[in-house]
Amino acid sequence: MPELRTRARTGSHRTVRTLSDQPSFRRRRASPLLRLMLRVPRYLYIGPLAELMRSRCILLLTTRGRRTGLPRTTAVSFMPLLDGHLVVFSGWGVTSAWYANVGAEPRVRVKVGRREMSGTAKVVEEPARRVELMRQMAARSGGCGPPKPTRPLLKLTRVFDYEGEIAMALRAGSSLPVVEITPD
């Protein structure tokens, strides 16, 4: 395996990260209808609706475009950690624009409900940690995503299968891109 440039020494051990440690999950582009549906939360994230979105585990993430340098905002699913950090999962894989933008510029703005903050985003490098965080997210996912009464209809119409998405993310395991945001 090719080695990455960064190496860390721990006591007498040397830790070398290989490319196989890096997230690699990819998937086909979403259908036009699903892409439209996934963009809607960004425009509804105001006032009381922002709090509703927060309660459904959705935050607004603003990154700096890696090519344009312009602010880019998208709604993503998240999980708060006990230490105040936020974990964001890239269900569309390493090709997600926001994920690539974070790789180029880790400074981000986050809106969680009505609260806005700046922070630093860092890709979770350890595969075992990514798996553990995804398991934690799956355990709390019952209260996240689309309201439970709407899920059967969304699945039946093949617009969005929330439980299927969680199962897919668990199967992706260590290859799923996960980012941890440390608020300032």
C-alpha atoms as a PDB file:
ATOM      1  CA  MET A   1       0.000   0.000   0.000  1.00  0.00           C
ATOM      2  CA  PRO A   2       1.265   3.503  -0.720  1.00  0.00           C
ATOM      3  CA  GLU A   3       1.917   5.550   2.387  1.00  0.00           C
ATOM      4  CA  LEU A   4       0.467   8.956   3.070  1.00  0.00           C
ATOM      5  CA  ARG A   5       2.824  11.833   3.813  1.00  0.00           C
ATOM      6  CA  THR A   6       1.882  12.159   7.479  1.00  0.00           C
ATOM      7  CA  ARG A   7       3.436   9.877  10.034  1.00  0.00           C
ATOM      8  CA  ALA A   8       2.989   9.957  13.767  1.00  0.00           C
ATOM      9  CA  ARG A   9       5.272   8.487  16.420  1.00  0.00           C
ATOM     10  CA  THR A  10       3.664   6.997  19.509  1.00  0.00           C
ATOM     11  CA  GLY A  11       6.286   5.906  22.040  1.00  0.00           C
ATOM     12  CA  SER A  12       8.483   3.384  20.264  1.00  0.00           C
ATOM     13  CA  HIS A  13       5.787   2.656  17.670  1.00  0.00           C
ATOM     14  CA  ARG A  14       5.410   4.457  14.413  1.00  0.00           C
ATOM     15  CA  THR A  15       1.893   4.855  13.027  1.00  0.00           C
ATOM     16  CA  VAL A  16       1.713   4.988   9.261  1.00  0.00           C
ATOM     17  CA  ARG A  17      -1.637   5.699   7.660  1.00  0.00           C
ATOM     18  CA  THR A  18      -2.147   3.969   4.352  1.00  0.00           C
ATOM     19  CA  LEU A  19      -4.545   4.945   1.611  1.00  0.00           C
ATOM     20  CA  SER A  20      -6.721   1.983   2.654  1.00  0.00           C
ATOM     21  CA  ASP A  21      -7.398   3.807   5.951  1.00  0.00           C
ATOM     22  CA  GLN A  22      -8.985   6.717   4.106  1.00  0.00           C
ATOM     23  CA  PRO A  23     -12.739   6.885   3.443  1.00  0.00           C
ATOM     24  CA  SER A  24     -13.463   5.535  -0.029  1.00  0.00           C
ATOM     25  CA  PHE A  25     -17.243   5.094  -0.152  1.00  0.00           C
ATOM     26  CA  ARG A  26     -18.841   6.164  -3.445  1.00  0.00           C
ATOM     27  CA  ARG A  27     -22.320   5.832  -4.848  1.00  0.00           C
ATOM     28  CA  ARG A  28     -24.289   6.785  -7.909  1.00  0.00           C
ATOM     29  CA  ARG A  29     -25.633  10.279  -8.177  1.00  0.00           C
ATOM     30  CA  ALA A  30     -29.117  10.750  -6.697  1.00  0.00           C
ATOM     31  CA  SER A  31     -32.132  10.926  -8.984  1.00  0.00           C
ATOM     32  CA  PRO A  32     -33.294  14.435  -9.929  1.00  0.00           C
ATOM     33  CA  LEU A  33     -36.334  14.108  -7.624  1.00  0.00           C
ATOM     34  CA  LEU A  34     -34.210  13.021  -4.665  1.00  0.00           C
ATOM     35  CA  ARG A  35     -31.653  15.781  -5.336  1.00  0.00           C
ATOM     36  CA  LEU A  36     -34.490  18.303  -5.248  1.00  0.00           C
ATOM     37  CA  MET A  37     -35.868  16.809  -2.036  1.00  0.00           C
ATOM     38  CA  LEU A  38     -32.425  16.905  -0.401  1.00  0.00           C
ATOM     39  CA  ARG A  39     -32.076  20.613  -1.238  1.00  0.00           C
ATOM     40  CA  VAL A  40     -35.387  21.638   0.347  1.00  0.00           C
ATOM     41  CA  PRO A  41     -34.186  21.673   4.006  1.00  0.00           C
ATOM     42  CA  ARG A  42     -31.608  24.339   3.157  1.00  0.00           C
ATOM     43  CA  TYR A  43     -34.378  26.765   2.208  1.00  0.00           C
ATOM     44  CA  LEU A  44     -36.679  25.855   5.104  1.00  0.00           C
ATOM     45  CA  TYR A  45     -33.980  26.211   7.774  1.00  0.00           C
ATOM     46  CA  ILE A  46     -35.366  29.407   9.359  1.00  0.00           C
ATOM     47  CA  GLY A  47     -37.118  30.289  12.611  1.00  0.00           C
ATOM     48  CA  PRO A  48     -39.136  27.489  14.218  1.00  0.00           C
ATOM     49  CA  LEU A  49     -38.528  25.222  11.214  1.00  0.00           C
ATOM     50  CA  ALA A  50     -34.793  25.395  11.940  1.00  0.00           C
ATOM     51  CA  GLU A  51     -35.484  23.934  15.381  1.00  0.00           C
ATOM     52  CA  LEU A  52     -37.629  21.216  13.828  1.00  0.00           C
ATOM     53  CA  MET A  53     -34.796  20.353  11.429  1.00  0.00           C
ATOM     54  CA  ARG A  54     -32.324  20.268  14.333  1.00  0.00           C
ATOM     55  CA  SER A  55     -34.607  17.859  16.168  1.00  0.00           C
ATOM     56  CA  ARG A  56     -34.547  15.650  13.026  1.00  0.00           C
ATOM     57  CA  CYS A  57     -30.685  15.672  13.130  1.00  0.00           C
ATOM     58  CA  ILE A  58     -30.182  18.097  10.239  1.00  0.00           C
ATOM     59  CA  LEU A  59     -27.799  21.044  10.341  1.00  0.00           C
ATOM     60  CA  LEU A  60     -26.685  23.593   7.777  1.00  0.00           C
ATOM     61  CA  LEU A  61     -23.016  23.370   6.886  1.00  0.00           C
ATOM     62  CA  THR A  62     -21.303  26.221   5.064  1.00  0.00           C
ATOM     63  CA  THR A  63     -17.946  25.441   3.500  1.00  0.00           C
ATOM     64  CA  ARG A  64     -15.681  27.463   1.237  1.00  0.00           C
ATOM     65  CA  GLY A  65     -15.796  26.227  -2.370  1.00  0.00           C
ATOM     66  CA  ARG A  66     -12.477  24.600  -3.188  1.00  0.00           C
ATOM     67  CA  ARG A  67     -12.413  26.042  -6.719  1.00  0.00           C
ATOM     68  CA  THR A  68     -14.413  29.253  -6.436  1.00  0.00           C
ATOM     69  CA  GLY A  69     -13.647  30.274  -2.867  1.00  0.00           C
ATOM     70  CA  LEU A  70     -17.333  31.182  -2.476  1.00  0.00           C
ATOM     71  CA  PRO A  71     -19.440  30.063   0.511  1.00  0.00           C
ATOM     72  CA  ARG A  72     -21.402  26.868  -0.184  1.00  0.00           C
ATOM     73  CA  THR A  73     -24.248  25.820   2.130  1.00  0.00           C
ATOM     74  CA  THR A  74     -25.884  22.422   2.323  1.00  0.00           C
ATOM     75  CA  ALA A  75     -28.070  20.524   4.777  1.00  0.00           C
ATOM     76  CA  VAL A  76     -26.433  17.404   6.213  1.00  0.00           C
ATOM     77  CA  SER A  77     -27.292  14.862   8.888  1.00  0.00           C
ATOM     78  CA  PHE A  78     -25.368  15.159  12.113  1.00  0.00           C
ATOM     79  CA  MET A  79     -24.914  13.744  15.576  1.00  0.00           C
ATOM     80  CA  PRO A  80     -23.858  15.806  18.596  1.00  0.00           C
ATOM     81  CA  LEU A  81     -21.165  14.365  20.844  1.00  0.00           C
ATOM     82  CA  LEU A  82     -21.047  14.824  24.611  1.00  0.00           C
ATOM     83  CA  ASP A  83     -17.968  17.073  24.356  1.00  0.00           C
ATOM     84  CA  GLY A  84     -19.835  19.619  22.208  1.00  0.00           C
ATOM     85  CA  HIS A  85     -18.344  18.446  18.924  1.00  0.00           C
ATOM     86  CA  LEU A  86     -20.595  17.589  15.989  1.00  0.00           C
ATOM     87  CA  VAL A  87     -20.213  14.574  13.718  1.00  0.00           C
ATOM     88  CA  VAL A  88     -21.342  14.790  10.105  1.00  0.00           C
ATOM     89  CA  PHE A  89     -21.714  11.780   7.795  1.00  0.00           C
ATOM     90  CA  SER A  90     -21.246  11.909   4.034  1.00  0.00           C
ATOM     91  CA  GLY A  91     -23.878   9.440   2.881  1.00  0.00           C
ATOM     92  CA  TRP A  92     -23.085  10.304  -0.734  1.00  0.00           C
ATOM     93  CA  GLY A  93     -19.461   9.384  -0.222  1.00  0.00           C
ATOM     94  CA  VAL A  94     -16.139  10.980  -0.961  1.00  0.00           C
ATOM     95  CA  THR A  95     -17.492  12.703  -4.062  1.00  0.00           C
ATOM     96  CA  SER A  96     -19.867  14.942  -2.066  1.00  0.00           C
ATOM     97  CA  ALA A  97     -18.972  18.558  -2.822  1.00  0.00           C
ATOM     98  CA  TRP A  98     -19.108  19.591   0.851  1.00  0.00           C
ATOM     99  CA  TYR A  99     -16.738  16.760   1.793  1.00  0.00           C
ATOM    100  CA  ALA A 100     -14.212  17.777  -0.873  1.00  0.00           C
ATOM    101  CA  ASN A 101     -14.536  21.416   0.232  1.00  0.00           C
ATOM    102  CA  VAL A 102     -13.783  20.492   3.862  1.00  0.00           C
ATOM    103  CA  GLY A 103     -10.689  18.648   2.665  1.00  0.00           C
ATOM    104  CA  ALA A 104      -9.471  21.817   0.949  1.00  0.00           C
ATOM    105  CA  GLU A 105     -10.487  24.293   3.701  1.00  0.00           C
ATOM    106  CA  PRO A 106     -11.391  22.972   7.179  1.00  0.00           C
ATOM    107  CA  ARG A 107     -12.868  26.255   8.494  1.00  0.00           C
ATOM    108  CA  VAL A 108     -16.675  25.988   8.399  1.00  0.00           C
ATOM    109  CA  ARG A 109     -19.853  27.710   9.602  1.00  0.00           C
ATOM    110  CA  VAL A 110     -22.593  25.597  11.133  1.00  0.00           C
ATOM    111  CA  LYS A 111     -26.210  26.368  11.914  1.00  0.00           C
ATOM    112  CA  VAL A 112     -27.826  23.965  14.373  1.00  0.00           C
ATOM    113  CA  GLY A 113     -31.413  25.044  14.879  1.00  0.00           C
ATOM    114  CA  ARG A 114     -31.312  28.770  15.545  1.00  0.00           C
ATOM    115  CA  ARG A 115     -27.714  28.672  16.804  1.00  0.00           C
ATOM    116  CA  GLU A 116     -24.874  29.584  14.443  1.00  0.00           C
ATOM    117  CA  MET A 117     -21.178  28.997  15.052  1.00  0.00           C
ATOM    118  CA  SER A 118     -17.817  28.730  13.366  1.00  0.00           C
ATOM    119  CA  GLY A 119     -15.656  25.692  13.705  1.00  0.00           C
ATOM    120  CA  THR A 120     -12.973  23.484  12.285  1.00  0.00           C
ATOM    121  CA  ALA A 121     -13.862  20.312  10.430  1.00  0.00           C
ATOM    122  CA  LYS A 122     -11.565  17.310  10.513  1.00  0.00           C
ATOM    123  CA  VAL A 123     -11.977  14.029   8.666  1.00  0.00           C
ATOM    124  CA  VAL A 124     -12.135  11.120  11.100  1.00  0.00           C
ATOM    125  CA  GLU A 125      -9.117   9.136   9.963  1.00  0.00           C
ATOM    126  CA  GLU A 126      -9.372   5.983  12.068  1.00  0.00           C
ATOM    127  CA  PRO A 127     -11.611   3.387  10.345  1.00  0.00           C
ATOM    128  CA  ALA A 128     -12.676   1.833  13.678  1.00  0.00           C
ATOM    129  CA  ARG A 129     -13.764   5.259  14.971  1.00  0.00           C
ATOM    130  CA  ARG A 130     -15.845   5.864  11.813  1.00  0.00           C
ATOM    131  CA  VAL A 131     -17.583   2.518  12.322  1.00  0.00           C
ATOM    132  CA  GLU A 132     -18.265   3.268  15.999  1.00  0.00           C
ATOM    133  CA  LEU A 133     -19.673   6.730  15.219  1.00  0.00           C
ATOM    134  CA  MET A 134     -21.934   5.286  12.510  1.00  0.00           C
ATOM    135  CA  ARG A 135     -23.221   2.665  14.960  1.00  0.00           C
ATOM    136  CA  GLN A 136     -23.994   5.422  17.471  1.00  0.00           C
ATOM    137  CA  MET A 137     -25.842   7.363  14.765  1.00  0.00           C
ATOM    138  CA  ALA A 138     -27.839   4.274  13.769  1.00  0.00           C
ATOM    139  CA  ALA A 139     -28.819   3.707  17.414  1.00  0.00           C
ATOM    140  CA  ARG A 140     -30.266   7.220  17.658  1.00  0.00           C
ATOM    141  CA  SER A 141     -31.653   7.366  14.111  1.00  0.00           C
ATOM    142  CA  GLY A 142     -35.245   6.580  15.104  1.00  0.00           C
ATOM    143  CA  GLY A 143     -35.756  10.233  16.014  1.00  0.00           C
ATOM    144  CA  CYS A 144     -33.851  11.526  12.996  1.00  0.00           C
ATOM    145  CA  GLY A 145     -34.628  11.877   9.305  1.00  0.00           C
ATOM    146  CA  PRO A 146     -38.116  12.121   7.867  1.00  0.00           C
ATOM    147  CA  PRO A 147     -40.942  11.808  10.416  1.00  0.00           C
ATOM    148  CA  LYS A 148     -41.824   8.128  10.916  1.00  0.00           C
ATOM    149  CA  PRO A 149     -45.355   8.405   9.462  1.00  0.00           C
ATOM    150  CA  THR A 150     -43.942   9.649   6.127  1.00  0.00           C
ATOM    151  CA  ARG A 151     -41.231   6.999   5.743  1.00  0.00           C
ATOM    152  CA  PRO A 152     -43.404   4.205   4.266  1.00  0.00           C
ATOM    153  CA  LEU A 153     -44.765   6.553   1.596  1.00  0.00           C
ATOM    154  CA  LEU A 154     -41.299   7.870   0.741  1.00  0.00           C
ATOM    155  CA  LYS A 155     -40.035   4.291   0.454  1.00  0.00           C
ATOM    156  CA  LEU A 156     -43.062   3.074  -1.522  1.00  0.00           C
ATOM    157  CA  THR A 157     -42.689   5.894  -4.053  1.00  0.00           C
ATOM    158  CA  ARG A 158     -38.920   5.217  -4.188  1.00  0.00           C
ATOM    159  CA  VAL A 159     -38.198   8.798  -3.310  1.00  0.00           C
ATOM    160  CA  PHE A 160     -36.225   8.053  -0.140  1.00  0.00           C
ATOM    161  CA  ASP A 161     -35.731   4.951   2.006  1.00  0.00           C
ATOM    162  CA  TYR A 162     -34.434   6.270   5.343  1.00  0.00           C
ATOM    163  CA  GLU A 163     -34.008   2.871   7.016  1.00  0.00           C
ATOM    164  CA  GLY A 164     -32.316   1.626   3.846  1.00  0.00           C
ATOM    165  CA  GLU A 165     -29.926   4.586   3.978  1.00  0.00           C
ATOM    166  CA  ILE A 166     -28.970   3.799   7.584  1.00  0.00           C
ATOM    167  CA  ALA A 167     -28.463   0.120   6.716  1.00  0.00           C
ATOM    168  CA  MET A 168     -26.334   1.098   3.698  1.00  0.00           C
ATOM    169  CA  ALA A 169     -24.189   3.372   5.878  1.00  0.00           C
ATOM    170  CA  LEU A 170     -23.663   0.578   8.411  1.00  0.00           C
ATOM    171  CA  ARG A 171     -22.636  -1.800   5.601  1.00  0.00           C
ATOM    172  CA  ALA A 172     -20.230   0.837   4.255  1.00  0.00           C
ATOM    173  CA  GLY A 173     -18.649   0.844   7.713  1.00  0.00           C
ATOM    174  CA  SER A 174     -15.107   2.112   7.768  1.00  0.00           C
ATOM    175  CA  SER A 175     -15.200   3.357   4.160  1.00  0.00           C
ATOM    176  CA  LEU A 176     -17.932   5.937   4.917  1.00  0.00           C
ATOM    177  CA  PRO A 177     -16.596   9.514   5.140  1.00  0.00           C
ATOM    178  CA  VAL A 178     -17.146  10.981   8.604  1.00  0.00           C
ATOM    179  CA  VAL A 179     -16.201  14.507   9.663  1.00  0.00           C
ATOM    180  CA  GLU A 180     -15.933  15.865  13.197  1.00  0.00           C
ATOM    181  CA  ILE A 181     -16.568  19.573  13.698  1.00  0.00           C
ATOM    182  CA  THR A 182     -14.986  21.330  16.661  1.00  0.00           C
ATOM    183  CA  PRO A 183     -16.854  24.572  17.414  1.00  0.00           C
ATOM    184  CA  ASP A 184     -14.724  27.651  18.217  1.00  0.00           C
END
